[in-house]
Amino acid sequence: MKLVRRFKSLAPADRPQDQSFDGTTLRFEVIEHGGEYDDAMPQAIKVTDTQDRSCIYVPLSQEGQVVDSRASAVADED
């Protein structure tokens, strides 16, 4: 069994904010590389704003494997 720590969602005011709405006021930092394949794909990216608020984005994974979220998308039927 794998224990996963769940965190409460951040309120919008606590999330990194981009005042210009084009990403120019945000800093991006690659935390780690690697994963299932031998490539340079980032496995964690830290985003920080001008007020030093930050969050870390990681790919979705299930049982240690990265999940392709596009593959699980359901097509709209009219």
PDB file of N, CA and C in Angstrom:
ATOM      1  N   MET A   1       0.843  -1.172   0.000  1.00  0.00           N
ATOM      2  CA  MET A   1       0.000   0.000   0.000  1.00  0.00           C
ATOM      3  C   MET A   1       0.895   1.244   0.000  1.00  0.00           C
ATOM      4  N   LYS A   2       0.505   2.220  -0.780  1.00  0.00           N
ATOM      5  CA  LYS A   2       1.251   3.472  -0.867  1.00  0.00           C
ATOM      6  C   LYS A   2       0.431   4.576  -0.202  1.00  0.00           C
ATOM      7  N   LEU A   3       1.032   5.258   0.750  1.00  0.00           N
ATOM      8  CA  LEU A   3       0.356   6.367   1.405  1.00  0.00           C
ATOM      9  C   LEU A   3       0.604   7.645   0.629  1.00  0.00           C
ATOM     10  N   VAL A   4      -0.444   8.392   0.398  1.00  0.00           N
ATOM     11  CA  VAL A   4      -0.352   9.640  -0.349  1.00  0.00           C
ATOM     12  C   VAL A   4      -0.838  10.756   0.546  1.00  0.00           C
ATOM     13  N   ARG A   5      -0.051  11.784   0.678  1.00  0.00           N
ATOM     14  CA  ARG A   5      -0.454  12.927   1.490  1.00  0.00           C
ATOM     15  C   ARG A   5      -1.275  13.883   0.634  1.00  0.00           C
ATOM     16  N   ARG A   6      -2.453  14.167   1.067  1.00  0.00           N
ATOM     17  CA  ARG A   6      -3.347  15.071   0.348  1.00  0.00           C
ATOM     18  C   ARG A   6      -3.333  16.424   1.037  1.00  0.00           C
ATOM     19  N   PHE A   7      -3.272  17.480   0.249  1.00  0.00           N
ATOM     20  CA  PHE A   7      -3.260  18.836   0.774  1.00  0.00           C
ATOM     21  C   PHE A   7      -4.548  19.543   0.382  1.00  0.00           C
ATOM     22  N   LYS A   8      -5.000  20.435   1.234  1.00  0.00           N
ATOM     23  CA  LYS A   8      -6.158  21.260   0.929  1.00  0.00           C
ATOM     24  C   LYS A   8      -5.802  22.190  -0.229  1.00  0.00           C
ATOM     25  N   SER A   9      -6.742  22.433  -1.124  1.00  0.00           N
ATOM     26  CA  SER A   9      -6.501  23.336  -2.249  1.00  0.00           C
ATOM     27  C   SER A   9      -6.190  24.738  -1.751  1.00  0.00           C
ATOM     28  N   LEU A  10      -5.287  25.406  -2.453  1.00  0.00           N
ATOM     29  CA  LEU A  10      -4.953  26.791  -2.097  1.00  0.00           C
ATOM     30  C   LEU A  10      -6.065  27.729  -2.532  1.00  0.00           C
ATOM     31  N   ALA A  11      -6.340  28.698  -1.692  1.00  0.00           N
ATOM     32  CA  ALA A  11      -7.285  29.749  -2.067  1.00  0.00           C
ATOM     33  C   ALA A  11      -6.670  30.555  -3.208  1.00  0.00           C
ATOM     34  N   PRO A  12      -7.462  31.109  -4.108  1.00  0.00           N
ATOM     35  CA  PRO A  12      -6.908  31.875  -5.227  1.00  0.00           C
ATOM     36  C   PRO A  12      -5.920  32.963  -4.789  1.00  0.00           C
ATOM     37  N   ALA A  13      -6.162  33.610  -3.658  1.00  0.00           N
ATOM     38  CA  ALA A  13      -5.260  34.673  -3.196  1.00  0.00           C
ATOM     39  C   ALA A  13      -3.907  34.130  -2.751  1.00  0.00           C
ATOM     40  N   ASP A  14      -3.828  32.833  -2.427  1.00  0.00           N
ATOM     41  CA  ASP A  14      -2.577  32.221  -1.970  1.00  0.00           C
ATOM     42  C   ASP A  14      -1.766  31.607  -3.098  1.00  0.00           C
ATOM     43  N   ARG A  15      -2.367  31.486  -4.263  1.00  0.00           N
ATOM     44  CA  ARG A  15      -1.680  30.893  -5.411  1.00  0.00           C
ATOM     45  C   ARG A  15      -0.778  31.924  -6.071  1.00  0.00           C
ATOM     46  N   PRO A  16       0.286  31.462  -6.752  1.00  0.00           N
ATOM     47  CA  PRO A  16       1.099  32.414  -7.506  1.00  0.00           C
ATOM     48  C   PRO A  16       0.243  33.184  -8.502  1.00  0.00           C
ATOM     49  N   GLN A  17       0.464  34.489  -8.586  1.00  0.00           N
ATOM     50  CA  GLN A  17      -0.325  35.350  -9.454  1.00  0.00           C
ATOM     51  C   GLN A  17       0.565  35.961 -10.537  1.00  0.00           C
ATOM     52  N   ASP A  18       0.030  36.069 -11.724  1.00  0.00           N
ATOM     53  CA  ASP A  18       0.733  36.675 -12.851  1.00  0.00           C
ATOM     54  C   ASP A  18       0.031  37.988 -13.183  1.00  0.00           C
ATOM     55  N   GLN A  19       0.586  39.100 -12.686  1.00  0.00           N
ATOM     56  CA  GLN A  19      -0.070  40.394 -12.847  1.00  0.00           C
ATOM     57  C   GLN A  19      -0.243  40.795 -14.304  1.00  0.00           C
ATOM     58  N   SER A  20       0.661  40.367 -15.169  1.00  0.00           N
ATOM     59  CA  SER A  20       0.595  40.770 -16.568  1.00  0.00           C
ATOM     60  C   SER A  20      -0.223  39.798 -17.428  1.00  0.00           C
ATOM     61  N   PHE A  21      -0.610  38.653 -16.856  1.00  0.00           N
ATOM     62  CA  PHE A  21      -1.377  37.619 -17.559  1.00  0.00           C
ATOM     63  C   PHE A  21      -0.658  37.048 -18.786  1.00  0.00           C
ATOM     64  N   ASP A  22       0.676  37.178 -18.823  1.00  0.00           N
ATOM     65  CA  ASP A  22       1.413  36.593 -19.946  1.00  0.00           C
ATOM     66  C   ASP A  22       2.641  35.794 -19.486  1.00  0.00           C
ATOM     67  N   GLY A  23       2.767  35.590 -18.170  1.00  0.00           N
ATOM     68  CA  GLY A  23       3.867  34.791 -17.636  1.00  0.00           C
ATOM     69  C   GLY A  23       5.150  35.534 -17.385  1.00  0.00           C
ATOM     70  N   THR A  24       5.235  36.813 -17.745  1.00  0.00           N
ATOM     71  CA  THR A  24       6.492  37.537 -17.593  1.00  0.00           C
ATOM     72  C   THR A  24       6.839  37.847 -16.144  1.00  0.00           C
ATOM     73  N   THR A  25       5.860  37.829 -15.239  1.00  0.00           N
ATOM     74  CA  THR A  25       6.155  38.121 -13.829  1.00  0.00           C
ATOM     75  C   THR A  25       6.356  36.849 -13.013  1.00  0.00           C
ATOM     76  N   LEU A  26       6.344  35.694 -13.656  1.00  0.00           N
ATOM     77  CA  LEU A  26       6.546  34.427 -12.967  1.00  0.00           C
ATOM     78  C   LEU A  26       7.952  33.896 -13.210  1.00  0.00           C
ATOM     79  N   ARG A  27       8.493  33.191 -12.211  1.00  0.00           N
ATOM     80  CA  ARG A  27       9.779  32.495 -12.356  1.00  0.00           C
ATOM     81  C   ARG A  27       9.494  30.997 -12.390  1.00  0.00           C
ATOM     82  N   PHE A  28      10.123  30.304 -13.306  1.00  0.00           N
ATOM     83  CA  PHE A  28       9.958  28.865 -13.456  1.00  0.00           C
ATOM     84  C   PHE A  28      11.282  28.186 -13.148  1.00  0.00           C
ATOM     85  N   GLU A  29      11.239  27.138 -12.336  1.00  0.00           N
ATOM     86  CA  GLU A  29      12.449  26.411 -11.959  1.00  0.00           C
ATOM     87  C   GLU A  29      12.172  24.918 -12.089  1.00  0.00           C
ATOM     88  N   VAL A  30      13.021  24.214 -12.824  1.00  0.00           N
ATOM     89  CA  VAL A  30      12.883  22.761 -12.950  1.00  0.00           C
ATOM     90  C   VAL A  30      13.472  22.132 -11.691  1.00  0.00           C
ATOM     91  N   ILE A  31      12.664  21.320 -11.005  1.00  0.00           N
ATOM     92  CA  ILE A  31      13.096  20.695  -9.761  1.00  0.00           C
ATOM     93  C   ILE A  31      13.814  19.377 -10.021  1.00  0.00           C
ATOM     94  N   GLU A  32      13.261  18.538 -10.880  1.00  0.00           N
ATOM     95  CA  GLU A  32      13.903  17.257 -11.177  1.00  0.00           C
ATOM     96  C   GLU A  32      13.577  16.805 -12.597  1.00  0.00           C
ATOM     97  N   HIS A  33      14.475  15.996 -13.134  1.00  0.00           N
ATOM     98  CA  HIS A  33      14.302  15.406 -14.459  1.00  0.00           C
ATOM     99  C   HIS A  33      14.219  13.897 -14.295  1.00  0.00           C
ATOM    100  N   GLY A  34      13.923  13.242 -15.380  1.00  0.00           N
ATOM    101  CA  GLY A  34      13.953  11.786 -15.350  1.00  0.00           C
ATOM    102  C   GLY A  34      12.597  11.201 -15.608  1.00  0.00           C
ATOM    103  N   GLY A  35      12.285  10.169 -14.840  1.00  0.00           N
ATOM    104  CA  GLY A  35      11.013   9.493 -15.023  1.00  0.00           C
ATOM    105  C   GLY A  35      11.194   8.166 -15.708  1.00  0.00           C
ATOM    106  N   GLU A  36      10.148   7.723 -16.335  1.00  0.00           N
ATOM    107  CA  GLU A  36      10.125   6.398 -16.948  1.00  0.00           C
ATOM    108  C   GLU A  36      11.063   6.288 -18.150  1.00  0.00           C
ATOM    109  N   TYR A  37      11.235   7.368 -18.902  1.00  0.00           N
ATOM    110  CA  TYR A  37      12.035   7.335 -20.126  1.00  0.00           C
ATOM    111  C   TYR A  37      13.325   8.117 -19.945  1.00  0.00           C
ATOM    112  N   ASP A  38      14.349   7.727 -20.712  1.00  0.00           N
ATOM    113  CA  ASP A  38      15.641   8.388 -20.664  1.00  0.00           C
ATOM    114  C   ASP A  38      15.594   9.637 -21.540  1.00  0.00           C
ATOM    115  N   ASP A  39      15.064  10.722 -20.975  1.00  0.00           N
ATOM    116  CA  ASP A  39      14.986  11.973 -21.719  1.00  0.00           C
ATOM    117  C   ASP A  39      15.152  13.137 -20.746  1.00  0.00           C
ATOM    118  N   ALA A  40      15.021  14.323 -21.227  1.00  0.00           N
ATOM    119  CA  ALA A  40      15.217  15.505 -20.403  1.00  0.00           C
ATOM    120  C   ALA A  40      13.891  16.137 -19.968  1.00  0.00           C
ATOM    121  N   MET A  41      12.816  15.348 -19.963  1.00  0.00           N
ATOM    122  CA  MET A  41      11.504  15.870 -19.596  1.00  0.00           C
ATOM    123  C   MET A  41      11.464  16.213 -18.109  1.00  0.00           C
ATOM    124  N   PRO A  42      11.083  17.446 -17.768  1.00  0.00           N
ATOM    125  CA  PRO A  42      10.983  17.801 -16.348  1.00  0.00           C
ATOM    126  C   PRO A  42       9.899  16.977 -15.654  1.00  0.00           C
ATOM    127  N   GLN A  43      10.168  16.543 -14.436  1.00  0.00           N
ATOM    128  CA  GLN A  43       9.191  15.798 -13.658  1.00  0.00           C
ATOM    129  C   GLN A  43       8.585  16.642 -12.542  1.00  0.00           C
ATOM    130  N   ALA A  44       9.128  17.827 -12.324  1.00  0.00           N
ATOM    131  CA  ALA A  44       8.560  18.762 -11.357  1.00  0.00           C
ATOM    132  C   ALA A  44       9.020  20.167 -11.726  1.00  0.00           C
ATOM    133  N   ILE A  45       8.080  21.113 -11.727  1.00  0.00           N
ATOM    134  CA  ILE A  45       8.381  22.504 -12.063  1.00  0.00           C
ATOM    135  C   ILE A  45       7.835  23.387 -10.957  1.00  0.00           C
ATOM    136  N   LYS A  46       8.685  24.253 -10.415  1.00  0.00           N
ATOM    137  CA  LYS A  46       8.273  25.191  -9.366  1.00  0.00           C
ATOM    138  C   LYS A  46       8.002  26.548 -10.013  1.00  0.00           C
ATOM    139  N   VAL A  47       6.838  27.117  -9.720  1.00  0.00           N
ATOM    140  CA  VAL A  47       6.444  28.429 -10.240  1.00  0.00           C
ATOM    141  C   VAL A  47       6.375  29.392  -9.060  1.00  0.00           C
ATOM    142  N   THR A  48       7.054  30.540  -9.180  1.00  0.00           N
ATOM    143  CA  THR A  48       7.095  31.541  -8.112  1.00  0.00           C
ATOM    144  C   THR A  48       6.713  32.894  -8.685  1.00  0.00           C
ATOM    145  N   ASP A  49       5.916  33.656  -7.919  1.00  0.00           N
ATOM    146  CA  ASP A  49       5.513  34.987  -8.380  1.00  0.00           C
ATOM    147  C   ASP A  49       6.336  36.070  -7.695  1.00  0.00           C
ATOM    148  N   THR A  50       6.018  37.340  -7.968  1.00  0.00           N
ATOM    149  CA  THR A  50       6.810  38.459  -7.442  1.00  0.00           C
ATOM    150  C   THR A  50       6.675  38.625  -5.930  1.00  0.00           C
ATOM    151  N   GLN A  51       5.628  38.048  -5.329  1.00  0.00           N
ATOM    152  CA  GLN A  51       5.463  38.119  -3.880  1.00  0.00           C
ATOM    153  C   GLN A  51       5.996  36.863  -3.189  1.00  0.00           C
ATOM    154  N   ASP A  52       6.757  36.065  -3.907  1.00  0.00           N
ATOM    155  CA  ASP A  52       7.410  34.845  -3.424  1.00  0.00           C
ATOM    156  C   ASP A  52       6.438  33.721  -3.063  1.00  0.00           C
ATOM    157  N   ARG A  53       5.219  33.754  -3.587  1.00  0.00           N
ATOM    158  CA  ARG A  53       4.305  32.628  -3.446  1.00  0.00           C
ATOM    159  C   ARG A  53       4.705  31.617  -4.504  1.00  0.00           C
ATOM    160  N   SER A  54       4.646  30.343  -4.158  1.00  0.00           N
ATOM    161  CA  SER A  54       5.067  29.330  -5.129  1.00  0.00           C
ATOM    162  C   SER A  54       4.226  28.073  -5.010  1.00  0.00           C
ATOM    163  N   CYS A  55       4.283  27.281  -6.061  1.00  0.00           N
ATOM    164  CA  CYS A  55       3.681  25.952  -6.056  1.00  0.00           C
ATOM    165  C   CYS A  55       4.517  25.075  -6.986  1.00  0.00           C
ATOM    166  N   ILE A  56       4.382  23.781  -6.798  1.00  0.00           N
ATOM    167  CA  ILE A  56       5.142  22.822  -7.600  1.00  0.00           C
ATOM    168  C   ILE A  56       4.164  21.984  -8.407  1.00  0.00           C
ATOM    169  N   TYR A  57       4.382  21.922  -9.698  1.00  0.00           N
ATOM    170  CA  TYR A  57       3.564  21.131 -10.603  1.00  0.00           C
ATOM    171  C   TYR A  57       4.298  19.837 -10.934  1.00  0.00           C
ATOM    172  N   VAL A  58       3.606  18.716 -10.814  1.00  0.00           N
ATOM    173  CA  VAL A  58       4.168  17.408 -11.143  1.00  0.00           C
ATOM    174  C   VAL A  58       3.198  16.700 -12.089  1.00  0.00           C
ATOM    175  N   PRO A  59       3.694  15.780 -12.919  1.00  0.00           N
ATOM    176  CA  PRO A  59       2.783  15.068 -13.814  1.00  0.00           C
ATOM    177  C   PRO A  59       1.884  14.115 -13.023  1.00  0.00           C
ATOM    178  N   LEU A  60       0.693  13.870 -13.537  1.00  0.00           N
ATOM    179  CA  LEU A  60      -0.207  12.895 -12.927  1.00  0.00           C
ATOM    180  C   LEU A  60       0.430  11.515 -13.029  1.00  0.00           C
ATOM    181  N   SER A  61       0.331  10.753 -11.960  1.00  0.00           N
ATOM    182  CA  SER A  61       0.866   9.394 -12.016  1.00  0.00           C
ATOM    183  C   SER A  61      -0.058   8.449 -11.268  1.00  0.00           C
ATOM    184  N   GLN A  62       0.010   7.190 -11.665  1.00  0.00           N
ATOM    185  CA  GLN A  62      -0.763   6.141 -11.029  1.00  0.00           C
ATOM    186  C   GLN A  62       0.129   4.923 -10.924  1.00  0.00           C
ATOM    187  N   GLU A  63       0.297   4.429  -9.711  1.00  0.00           N
ATOM    188  CA  GLU A  63       1.165   3.281  -9.435  1.00  0.00           C
ATOM    189  C   GLU A  63       2.572   3.499  -9.990  1.00  0.00           C
ATOM    190  N   GLY A  64       3.090   4.713  -9.846  1.00  0.00           N
ATOM    191  CA  GLY A  64       4.443   5.025 -10.270  1.00  0.00           C
ATOM    192  C   GLY A  64       4.625   5.311 -11.743  1.00  0.00           C
ATOM    193  N   GLN A  65       3.570   5.224 -12.532  1.00  0.00           N
ATOM    194  CA  GLN A  65       3.649   5.479 -13.967  1.00  0.00           C
ATOM    195  C   GLN A  65       2.958   6.793 -14.287  1.00  0.00           C
ATOM    196  N   VAL A  66       3.588   7.609 -15.131  1.00  0.00           N
ATOM    197  CA  VAL A  66       2.981   8.869 -15.542  1.00  0.00           C
ATOM    198  C   VAL A  66       1.767   8.573 -16.402  1.00  0.00           C
ATOM    199  N   VAL A  67       0.663   9.270 -16.126  1.00  0.00           N
ATOM    200  CA  VAL A  67      -0.594   9.060 -16.830  1.00  0.00           C
ATOM    201  C   VAL A  67      -0.729  10.088 -17.945  1.00  0.00           C
ATOM    202  N   ASP A  68      -1.063   9.614 -19.139  1.00  0.00           N
ATOM    203  CA  ASP A  68      -1.335  10.505 -20.260  1.00  0.00           C
ATOM    204  C   ASP A  68      -2.788  10.927 -20.153  1.00  0.00           C
ATOM    205  N   SER A  69      -3.028  12.127 -19.622  1.00  0.00           N
ATOM    206  CA  SER A  69      -4.404  12.561 -19.370  1.00  0.00           C
ATOM    207  C   SER A  69      -5.196  12.723 -20.671  1.00  0.00           C
ATOM    208  N   ARG A  70      -4.517  12.965 -21.772  1.00  0.00           N
ATOM    209  CA  ARG A  70      -5.226  13.087 -23.051  1.00  0.00           C
ATOM    210  C   ARG A  70      -5.802  11.756 -23.476  1.00  0.00           C
ATOM    211  N   ALA A  71      -5.129  10.665 -23.139  1.00  0.00           N
ATOM    212  CA  ALA A  71      -5.594   9.343 -23.540  1.00  0.00           C
ATOM    213  C   ALA A  71      -6.872   8.947 -22.810  1.00  0.00           C
ATOM    214  N   SER A  72      -7.109   9.548 -21.651  1.00  0.00           N
ATOM    215  CA  SER A  72      -8.296   9.179 -20.890  1.00  0.00           C
ATOM    216  C   SER A  72      -9.443  10.156 -21.102  1.00  0.00           C
ATOM    217  N   ALA A  73      -9.262  11.130 -21.987  1.00  0.00           N
ATOM    218  CA  ALA A  73     -10.321  12.100 -22.260  1.00  0.00           C
ATOM    219  C   ALA A  73     -11.457  11.424 -23.003  1.00  0.00           C
ATOM    220  N   VAL A  74     -12.665  11.800 -22.664  1.00  0.00           N
ATOM    221  CA  VAL A  74     -13.842  11.236 -23.319  1.00  0.00           C
ATOM    222  C   VAL A  74     -14.304  12.217 -24.391  1.00  0.00           C
ATOM    223  N   ALA A  75     -14.517  11.724 -25.578  1.00  0.00           N
ATOM    224  CA  ALA A  75     -14.972  12.571 -26.679  1.00  0.00           C
ATOM    225  C   ALA A  75     -16.428  12.972 -26.460  1.00  0.00           C
ATOM    226  N   ASP A  76     -16.734  14.220 -26.751  1.00  0.00           N
ATOM    227  CA  ASP A  76     -18.118  14.701 -26.654  1.00  0.00           C
ATOM    228  C   ASP A  76     -18.937  14.112 -27.778  1.00  0.00           C
ATOM    229  N   GLU A  77     -20.109  13.646 -27.431  1.00  0.00           N
ATOM    230  CA  GLU A  77     -21.012  13.130 -28.447  1.00  0.00           C
ATOM    231  C   GLU A  77     -22.207  14.058 -28.555  1.00  0.00           C
ATOM    232  N   ASP A  78     -22.511  14.510 -29.749  1.00  0.00           N
ATOM    233  CA  ASP A  78     -23.637  15.433 -29.937  1.00  0.00           C
ATOM    234  C   ASP A  78     -24.946  14.706 -29.993  1.00  0.00           C
TER     235      ASP A  78
END
